[in-house]
Amino acid sequence: MKTKLRIGLPAAGLFALLFVLSGCDKKTDATAAPAPPPEVGVVEVQAQPVQLTTELSGRTSAHLIAEVRPQVSGIIQQRLFTEGSDVKAGAVLYRIDPATYQAAYDSAKAALSKAEANLMPYRLKEERYRDLVKINAVSQQDYDDVIASLGQAEADIEGAKAAVQSARINLDYTCVKAPISGRIGRSAVTTGALVTASQADPLATIQQLDPVYVDVTQSTSELLRLKRNLASGLVTNAESQQAAVKLILEDGTPYPHSGTMKFSEVTVNQSTGSVTLRTLFPNPDLLLLPGMFVSAVVEEGVNELGIMVPQRGVSRDTSGNATALVVGADDKVEPRTLKVARAIGDQWLVSEGLQPGDRLIVEGLQRARPGATVKPVPFDEGSGMVAVAPRAAVAKK
């Protein structure tokens, strides 16, 4: 009996101890604080003026191009320029053998002198016959013949003068001159080469490189979109003929000078479905050369109430639609379907789905669920950090 009592007392004490510990656990669970809502970084959506631009690819071309061709035939006696140098309009580039043209000019002058000498007898004869016909000393027919001969002599003089002028022009053409100022390329002929008047192959090509044209292409869909935006008032101050244009070179560096839009083609290229826009850029340092591939950034206009949001706050659903999460009333998460117009830098230009004052979640998206309550904290876009408020210490009981 005593032995059984000794065994039962430790067992009873063990059960009592477990009961007490169980009661303590229940008390601790009952007094534990609920989990706080997750913190998310938000940015407040604001409307602001947004400069709209379009980047278009294109190529450069010379402002003026002149192909130098001879206007008379002959042998090149001399080349008077350095290939790749700058030449002035009117400068002599080539000299063609002028011997035959000098002889033709001298012959024409001699023919003119002869015609002028033949005129004098007819003029004196006409003066004498004029008085004689009045007294019937000569017949009227003789006087008419003298007048006709005088007119013929005067016409011969005019023809001789024209021949002299033509011969002088041909003689002058033996000096092949630069039609425009610019930079001349390589020479296609050398001294001693035979050239012909108005030949198909040019002797050299002169290009004026300051300023320079940049021809870019724009699709008709983009052109129609811009016109609709202008008509609806979404875009303002877009003067297509005076729009400023910036240039990006082949290596990605910006061109230091801005250009202006000159005109747009009125015909659509049927093979590409695009129109050509011509822009004009100053080129004082001759950095742009004809045929270079460049990108032109054309200013379309200004969206006065544009909504720009960080791209990190916008995602795509399975259908490809742009979606975002915003913090609505009572700090509850609300899903939104957006319509984005274009990307500008690291931001989206949103045309539908957001309003000024909305709080867009850009940080902590994995902790935000539609309908859940969150704690919005301003997001610093410059540092990419969330400004988290310090939590109050929980006193342990």
Protein backbone atom coordinates (compact mmCIF):
# COMPACT_ATOMS: atom_id res chain seq x y z
CA MET A 1 0.00 0.00 0.00
CA LYS A 2 2.77 2.40 0.90
CA THR A 3 4.65 1.35 -2.21
CA LYS A 4 1.72 2.25 -4.50
CA LEU A 5 1.34 5.62 -2.78
CA ARG A 6 5.00 6.46 -3.43
CA ILE A 7 4.61 5.69 -7.15
CA GLY A 8 1.34 7.68 -7.51
CA LEU A 9 2.57 10.88 -5.90
CA PRO A 10 5.24 11.68 -8.55
CA ALA A 11 2.77 10.92 -11.36
CA ALA A 12 0.18 13.26 -9.85
CA GLY A 13 2.80 16.00 -9.52
CA LEU A 14 3.81 15.56 -13.15
CA PHE A 15 0.20 15.93 -14.35
CA ALA A 16 -0.24 19.06 -12.24
CA LEU A 17 2.90 20.60 -13.70
CA LEU A 18 1.77 19.92 -17.28
CA PHE A 19 -1.61 21.47 -16.51
CA VAL A 20 -0.01 24.64 -15.21
CA LEU A 21 2.30 24.92 -18.26
CA SER A 22 -0.63 24.39 -20.60
CA GLY A 23 -2.53 27.24 -18.94
CA CYS A 24 0.46 29.56 -19.35
CA ASP A 25 0.68 28.82 -23.10
CA LYS A 26 -2.97 29.65 -23.62
CA LYS A 27 -2.56 32.90 -21.75
CA THR A 28 0.48 33.86 -23.87
CA ASP A 29 -1.38 33.14 -27.16
CA ALA A 30 -4.38 35.15 -26.04
CA THR A 31 -2.27 38.24 -25.33
CA ALA A 32 -0.09 38.14 -28.61
CA ALA A 33 -0.56 41.26 -30.91
CA PRO A 34 -1.95 40.71 -34.47
CA ALA A 35 0.52 40.94 -37.42
CA PRO A 36 0.77 44.52 -38.86
CA PRO A 37 -0.18 45.14 -42.56
CA PRO A 38 2.75 44.86 -44.97
CA GLU A 39 4.49 48.03 -46.04
CA VAL A 40 4.56 48.98 -49.73
CA GLY A 41 6.33 51.83 -51.51
CA VAL A 42 3.99 54.14 -53.41
CA VAL A 43 4.29 57.19 -55.64
CA GLU A 44 1.49 59.71 -55.99
CA VAL A 45 0.33 60.08 -59.58
CA GLN A 46 0.52 63.65 -60.84
CA ALA A 47 -0.35 65.35 -64.12
CA GLN A 48 2.48 67.31 -65.69
CA PRO A 49 3.47 68.73 -69.08
CA VAL A 50 5.27 66.05 -71.10
CA GLN A 51 7.35 66.80 -74.19
CA LEU A 52 6.51 64.14 -76.78
CA THR A 53 9.25 63.09 -79.17
CA THR A 54 9.67 60.44 -81.83
CA GLU A 55 12.97 58.83 -82.76
CA LEU A 56 13.23 58.13 -86.48
CA SER A 57 16.07 56.63 -88.48
CA GLY A 58 17.45 58.29 -91.57
CA ARG A 59 20.50 59.26 -93.58
CA THR A 60 22.34 62.47 -94.26
CA SER A 61 22.62 64.10 -97.66
CA ALA A 62 24.41 67.18 -98.95
CA HIS A 63 22.58 70.48 -99.05
CA LEU A 64 23.76 71.12 -102.63
CA ILE A 65 25.33 68.66 -105.08
CA ALA A 66 26.86 69.61 -108.44
CA GLU A 67 28.44 67.21 -110.90
CA VAL A 68 31.13 68.93 -112.92
CA ARG A 69 30.94 68.13 -116.65
CA PRO A 70 32.66 69.72 -119.64
CA GLN A 71 30.56 71.80 -122.03
CA VAL A 72 33.06 71.59 -124.89
CA SER A 73 35.20 68.74 -126.18
CA GLY A 74 38.96 68.64 -125.98
CA ILE A 75 42.07 67.47 -124.17
CA ILE A 76 42.53 68.25 -120.48
CA GLN A 77 45.64 70.41 -120.22
CA GLN A 78 45.61 71.09 -116.50
CA ARG A 79 43.82 70.25 -113.26
CA LEU A 80 43.78 73.25 -110.93
CA PHE A 81 42.38 71.89 -107.64
CA THR A 82 43.36 69.51 -104.86
CA GLU A 83 41.08 66.53 -104.36
CA GLY A 84 39.08 66.75 -101.14
CA SER A 85 39.59 70.50 -100.76
CA ASP A 86 37.05 73.30 -100.51
CA VAL A 87 36.45 75.29 -103.70
CA LYS A 88 34.60 78.54 -104.36
CA ALA A 89 31.93 79.03 -106.97
CA GLY A 90 33.52 80.23 -110.23
CA ALA A 91 36.96 78.82 -109.47
CA VAL A 92 38.67 77.17 -112.46
CA LEU A 93 38.91 73.41 -111.93
CA TYR A 94 40.15 72.13 -115.32
CA ARG A 95 41.63 73.77 -118.36
CA ILE A 96 40.85 72.26 -121.78
CA ASP A 97 43.12 72.91 -124.79
CA PRO A 98 41.70 76.21 -126.15
CA ALA A 99 43.56 76.33 -129.50
CA THR A 100 40.68 75.42 -131.79
CA TYR A 101 38.20 77.55 -129.84
CA GLN A 102 40.55 80.54 -129.90
CA ALA A 103 40.82 80.16 -133.66
CA ALA A 104 37.04 79.98 -134.03
CA TYR A 105 36.69 83.11 -131.92
CA ASP A 106 39.21 85.00 -134.02
CA SER A 107 37.46 83.88 -137.21
CA ALA A 108 34.12 85.07 -135.89
CA LYS A 109 35.57 88.47 -135.03
CA ALA A 110 36.99 88.73 -138.53
CA ALA A 111 33.62 87.89 -140.06
CA LEU A 112 32.06 90.61 -137.93
CA SER A 113 34.58 93.15 -139.14
CA LYS A 114 33.86 92.17 -142.74
CA ALA A 115 30.12 92.54 -142.23
CA GLU A 116 30.59 95.96 -140.69
CA ALA A 117 32.79 97.02 -143.62
CA ASN A 118 30.15 95.89 -146.13
CA LEU A 119 27.53 97.97 -144.38
CA MET A 120 29.09 101.33 -145.08
CA PRO A 121 28.70 101.35 -148.94
CA TYR A 122 25.05 100.34 -148.68
CA ARG A 123 24.38 103.05 -146.12
CA LEU A 124 25.99 105.77 -148.27
CA LYS A 125 24.19 104.50 -151.38
CA GLU A 126 20.86 104.61 -149.57
CA GLU A 127 21.48 108.25 -148.57
CA ARG A 128 22.21 109.27 -152.19
CA TYR A 129 19.27 107.39 -153.66
CA ARG A 130 16.94 108.88 -151.07
CA ASP A 131 17.38 112.37 -152.61
CA LEU A 132 17.53 111.15 -156.22
CA VAL A 133 14.29 109.25 -156.05
CA LYS A 134 12.51 112.44 -155.02
CA ILE A 135 13.42 114.10 -158.32
CA ASN A 136 12.93 110.91 -160.29
CA ALA A 137 16.66 110.71 -161.08
CA VAL A 138 16.54 107.01 -160.13
CA SER A 139 13.66 104.65 -160.21
CA GLN A 140 11.74 103.62 -157.16
CA GLN A 141 12.76 100.03 -157.81
CA ASP A 142 16.45 100.90 -157.61
CA TYR A 143 15.87 102.69 -154.31
CA ASP A 144 13.96 99.69 -152.92
CA ASP A 145 16.82 97.38 -153.91
CA VAL A 146 19.30 99.59 -152.05
CA ILE A 147 17.13 99.56 -148.92
CA ALA A 148 16.90 95.77 -149.10
CA SER A 149 20.68 95.46 -149.50
CA LEU A 150 21.19 97.78 -146.54
CA GLY A 151 18.90 95.65 -144.38
CA GLN A 152 20.75 92.53 -145.47
CA ALA A 153 24.06 94.08 -144.50
CA GLU A 154 22.72 95.05 -141.07
CA ALA A 155 21.39 91.51 -140.56
CA ASP A 156 24.81 90.11 -141.51
CA ILE A 157 26.35 92.22 -138.79
CA GLU A 158 23.93 90.92 -136.19
CA GLY A 159 24.62 87.34 -137.27
CA ALA A 160 28.36 87.96 -137.08
CA LYS A 161 27.97 89.41 -133.58
CA ALA A 162 26.06 86.29 -132.49
CA ALA A 163 28.78 84.09 -133.96
CA VAL A 164 31.41 86.06 -132.04
CA GLN A 165 29.40 85.67 -128.84
CA SER A 166 29.02 81.90 -129.38
CA ALA A 167 32.73 81.50 -130.10
CA ARG A 168 33.60 83.54 -127.01
CA ILE A 169 31.34 81.33 -124.83
CA ASN A 170 32.92 78.15 -126.18
CA LEU A 171 36.36 79.60 -125.57
CA ASP A 172 35.34 80.45 -122.02
CA TYR A 173 34.04 76.90 -121.53
CA THR A 174 37.57 75.60 -122.01
CA CYS A 175 38.05 76.73 -118.40
CA VAL A 176 35.81 74.31 -116.47
CA LYS A 177 34.61 76.23 -113.41
CA ALA A 178 32.99 75.23 -110.13
CA PRO A 179 29.20 75.83 -110.31
CA ILE A 180 28.82 75.99 -106.49
CA SER A 181 30.96 76.41 -103.41
CA GLY A 182 31.66 73.28 -101.41
CA ARG A 183 33.99 70.34 -100.98
CA ILE A 184 35.16 68.64 -104.15
CA GLY A 185 35.78 64.91 -104.31
CA ARG A 186 38.21 62.89 -106.36
CA SER A 187 38.89 63.68 -109.98
CA ALA A 188 37.68 61.14 -112.54
CA VAL A 189 40.17 62.29 -115.21
CA THR A 190 43.80 63.29 -115.35
CA THR A 191 45.83 65.62 -117.52
CA GLY A 192 45.83 64.46 -121.15
CA ALA A 193 42.39 62.83 -121.00
CA LEU A 194 39.94 63.45 -123.81
CA VAL A 195 36.57 64.78 -122.67
CA THR A 196 33.42 65.48 -124.65
CA ALA A 197 30.71 68.06 -124.27
CA SER A 198 27.95 67.06 -121.79
CA GLN A 199 29.38 63.58 -121.30
CA ALA A 200 27.57 61.15 -119.00
CA ASP A 201 30.42 60.68 -116.51
CA PRO A 202 31.21 63.73 -114.37
CA LEU A 203 34.77 64.98 -114.04
CA ALA A 204 34.26 65.54 -110.30
CA THR A 205 31.49 66.14 -107.78
CA ILE A 206 31.12 69.14 -105.46
CA GLN A 207 28.97 68.88 -102.33
CA GLN A 208 27.95 71.65 -99.97
CA LEU A 209 28.08 70.20 -96.46
CA ASP A 210 27.11 73.17 -94.31
CA PRO A 211 24.20 72.97 -93.73
CA VAL A 212 23.30 69.34 -94.38
CA TYR A 213 19.99 67.55 -94.94
CA VAL A 214 18.81 64.58 -92.87
CA ASP A 215 16.02 62.59 -94.53
CA VAL A 216 14.08 60.38 -92.10
CA THR A 217 11.06 58.14 -92.63
CA GLN A 218 7.91 57.99 -90.53
CA SER A 219 5.19 55.38 -90.79
CA THR A 220 1.74 56.51 -91.79
CA SER A 221 0.28 55.00 -88.59
CA GLU A 222 2.45 57.30 -86.46
CA LEU A 223 1.52 60.24 -88.65
CA LEU A 224 -2.20 59.51 -88.26
CA ARG A 225 -1.79 59.10 -84.48
CA LEU A 226 -0.13 62.50 -84.24
CA LYS A 227 -2.88 64.14 -86.28
CA ARG A 228 -5.57 62.57 -84.07
CA ASN A 229 -3.79 63.79 -80.93
CA LEU A 230 -3.61 67.28 -82.39
CA ALA A 231 -7.28 67.25 -83.34
CA SER A 232 -8.36 66.05 -79.89
CA GLY A 233 -6.19 68.59 -78.06
CA LEU A 234 -4.11 65.91 -76.36
CA VAL A 235 -0.99 67.36 -77.97
CA THR A 236 -0.45 71.10 -78.44
CA ASN A 237 2.19 73.41 -79.90
CA ALA A 238 3.23 70.93 -82.57
CA GLU A 239 4.18 72.99 -85.59
CA SER A 240 5.37 70.36 -88.07
CA GLN A 241 7.12 72.90 -90.28
CA GLN A 242 9.03 74.49 -87.38
CA ALA A 243 9.51 71.48 -85.10
CA ALA A 244 12.91 71.27 -83.45
CA VAL A 245 14.89 68.14 -84.21
CA LYS A 246 17.85 66.61 -82.38
CA LEU A 247 20.28 64.13 -83.83
CA ILE A 248 21.94 60.98 -82.49
CA LEU A 249 25.02 59.76 -84.33
CA GLU A 250 25.87 56.18 -85.28
CA ASP A 251 27.95 55.65 -82.14
CA GLY A 252 25.08 56.77 -79.89
CA THR A 253 26.48 60.21 -79.05
CA PRO A 254 24.24 63.27 -79.43
CA TYR A 255 24.98 65.78 -82.17
CA PRO A 256 25.77 69.18 -80.61
CA HIS A 257 23.57 71.23 -82.95
CA SER A 258 19.77 71.11 -83.33
CA GLY A 259 17.98 71.25 -86.63
CA THR A 260 14.57 72.18 -87.95
CA MET A 261 11.92 70.35 -89.91
CA LYS A 262 11.69 71.68 -93.47
CA PHE A 263 8.87 69.70 -95.10
CA SER A 264 7.14 66.35 -95.35
CA GLU A 265 6.50 64.38 -98.52
CA VAL A 266 2.89 64.29 -99.67
CA THR A 267 3.18 60.82 -101.20
CA VAL A 268 3.38 57.57 -99.25
CA ASN A 269 6.00 55.04 -100.30
CA GLN A 270 3.91 52.05 -101.36
CA SER A 271 6.63 49.49 -100.59
CA THR A 272 7.30 50.67 -97.02
CA GLY A 273 4.09 52.48 -96.07
CA SER A 274 6.03 55.52 -94.84
CA VAL A 275 6.59 59.16 -95.70
CA THR A 276 9.89 61.04 -95.85
CA LEU A 277 10.56 64.01 -93.59
CA ARG A 278 13.40 66.37 -94.51
CA THR A 279 15.27 68.18 -91.74
CA LEU A 280 18.09 70.71 -91.98
CA PHE A 281 21.08 70.76 -89.61
CA PRO A 282 24.02 73.16 -89.35
CA ASN A 283 27.34 71.43 -89.93
CA PRO A 284 30.10 73.96 -89.19
CA ASP A 285 32.65 71.30 -88.17
CA LEU A 286 31.74 69.04 -91.12
CA LEU A 287 31.08 66.22 -88.67
CA LEU A 288 28.16 64.99 -90.76
CA LEU A 289 29.06 63.45 -94.09
CA PRO A 290 26.63 62.45 -96.85
CA GLY A 291 25.31 58.91 -96.47
CA MET A 292 25.78 58.61 -92.69
CA PHE A 293 23.13 56.63 -90.79
CA VAL A 294 21.66 58.70 -87.92
CA SER A 295 18.62 58.84 -85.65
CA ALA A 296 16.57 62.01 -85.50
CA VAL A 297 14.54 62.87 -82.41
CA VAL A 298 11.58 64.91 -83.65
CA GLU A 299 9.58 67.01 -81.19
CA GLU A 300 5.90 66.31 -81.84
CA GLY A 301 4.42 68.60 -79.20
CA VAL A 302 3.49 68.84 -75.52
CA ASN A 303 0.91 66.83 -73.58
CA GLU A 304 -0.09 69.39 -70.96
CA LEU A 305 -1.73 66.80 -68.65
CA GLY A 306 0.54 63.84 -69.13
CA ILE A 307 0.71 61.11 -66.48
CA MET A 308 4.15 59.56 -66.09
CA VAL A 309 4.68 56.52 -63.86
CA PRO A 310 7.77 54.35 -63.20
CA GLN A 311 7.97 51.26 -65.37
CA ARG A 312 8.70 49.12 -62.30
CA GLY A 313 5.13 49.73 -61.12
CA VAL A 314 3.50 48.42 -64.34
CA SER A 315 3.29 44.76 -65.35
CA ARG A 316 1.54 42.73 -68.05
CA ASP A 317 -1.16 40.14 -67.66
CA THR A 318 -1.49 36.96 -69.69
CA SER A 319 -3.34 38.88 -72.41
CA GLY A 320 -0.56 41.45 -72.68
CA ASN A 321 -2.55 44.26 -71.08
CA ALA A 322 -0.73 46.71 -68.84
CA THR A 323 -1.81 46.39 -65.20
CA ALA A 324 -0.90 48.10 -61.94
CA LEU A 325 -1.83 48.05 -58.24
CA VAL A 326 -2.90 51.20 -56.41
CA VAL A 327 -3.68 51.90 -52.77
CA GLY A 328 -7.30 52.97 -52.58
CA ALA A 329 -9.65 53.92 -49.77
CA ASP A 330 -8.94 52.42 -46.33
CA ASP A 331 -5.44 51.53 -47.64
CA LYS A 332 -6.77 48.56 -49.57
CA VAL A 333 -5.07 47.33 -52.72
CA GLU A 334 -6.98 47.86 -55.97
CA PRO A 335 -6.01 46.42 -59.39
CA ARG A 336 -6.10 48.70 -62.43
CA THR A 337 -5.92 48.01 -66.16
CA LEU A 338 -3.89 50.69 -67.92
CA LYS A 339 -3.41 51.95 -71.43
CA VAL A 340 0.13 53.14 -72.00
CA ALA A 341 0.95 55.43 -74.92
CA ARG A 342 4.74 55.12 -75.00
CA ALA A 343 7.89 54.68 -72.95
CA ILE A 344 9.88 57.81 -72.10
CA GLY A 345 13.13 56.91 -70.41
CA ASP A 346 12.39 54.59 -67.48
CA GLN A 347 8.74 55.70 -67.27
CA TRP A 348 5.47 54.97 -69.01
CA LEU A 349 3.17 57.66 -70.36
CA VAL A 350 -0.28 56.46 -69.26
CA SER A 351 -3.29 57.59 -71.24
CA GLU A 352 -6.00 55.62 -69.38
CA GLY A 353 -6.41 53.83 -66.04
CA LEU A 354 -4.83 56.31 -63.61
CA GLN A 355 -5.91 59.68 -62.30
CA PRO A 356 -3.95 62.42 -60.51
CA GLY A 357 -3.79 61.65 -56.81
CA ASP A 358 -3.77 57.84 -57.17
CA ARG A 359 -1.12 56.05 -55.09
CA LEU A 360 0.69 53.61 -57.36
CA ILE A 361 2.54 50.70 -55.73
CA VAL A 362 6.08 50.43 -57.08
CA GLU A 363 7.82 48.55 -54.25
CA GLY A 364 6.61 45.47 -52.36
CA LEU A 365 4.33 44.22 -55.11
CA GLN A 366 4.90 40.64 -53.97
CA ARG A 367 3.36 41.53 -50.59
CA ALA A 368 0.34 43.35 -52.05
CA ARG A 369 -2.76 41.37 -52.95
CA PRO A 370 -5.97 42.86 -54.40
CA GLY A 371 -8.35 43.65 -51.54
CA ALA A 372 -5.67 43.33 -48.84
CA THR A 373 -4.85 46.15 -46.43
CA VAL A 374 -1.34 47.58 -46.71
CA LYS A 375 0.69 50.36 -45.17
CA PRO A 376 1.66 52.84 -47.93
CA VAL A 377 5.06 54.49 -47.52
CA PRO A 378 6.40 57.16 -49.93
CA PHE A 379 8.93 55.77 -52.41
CA ASP A 380 12.06 57.74 -53.17
CA GLU A 381 12.51 57.43 -56.93
CA GLY A 382 15.98 58.96 -56.78
CA SER A 383 17.49 56.40 -54.39
CA GLY A 384 15.04 53.57 -55.05
CA MET A 385 14.47 53.16 -51.29
CA VAL A 386 11.29 53.15 -49.27
CA ALA A 387 11.16 55.72 -46.50
CA VAL A 388 10.10 53.34 -43.69
CA ALA A 389 8.85 54.88 -40.46
CA PRO A 390 10.44 53.44 -37.27
CA ARG A 391 8.27 50.83 -35.55
CA ALA A 392 7.27 51.28 -31.91
CA ALA A 393 8.83 48.83 -29.47
CA VAL A 394 6.41 46.19 -28.07
CA ALA A 395 6.64 45.80 -24.30
CA LYS A 396 6.92 42.20 -23.22
CA LYS A 397 4.83 41.08 -20.32
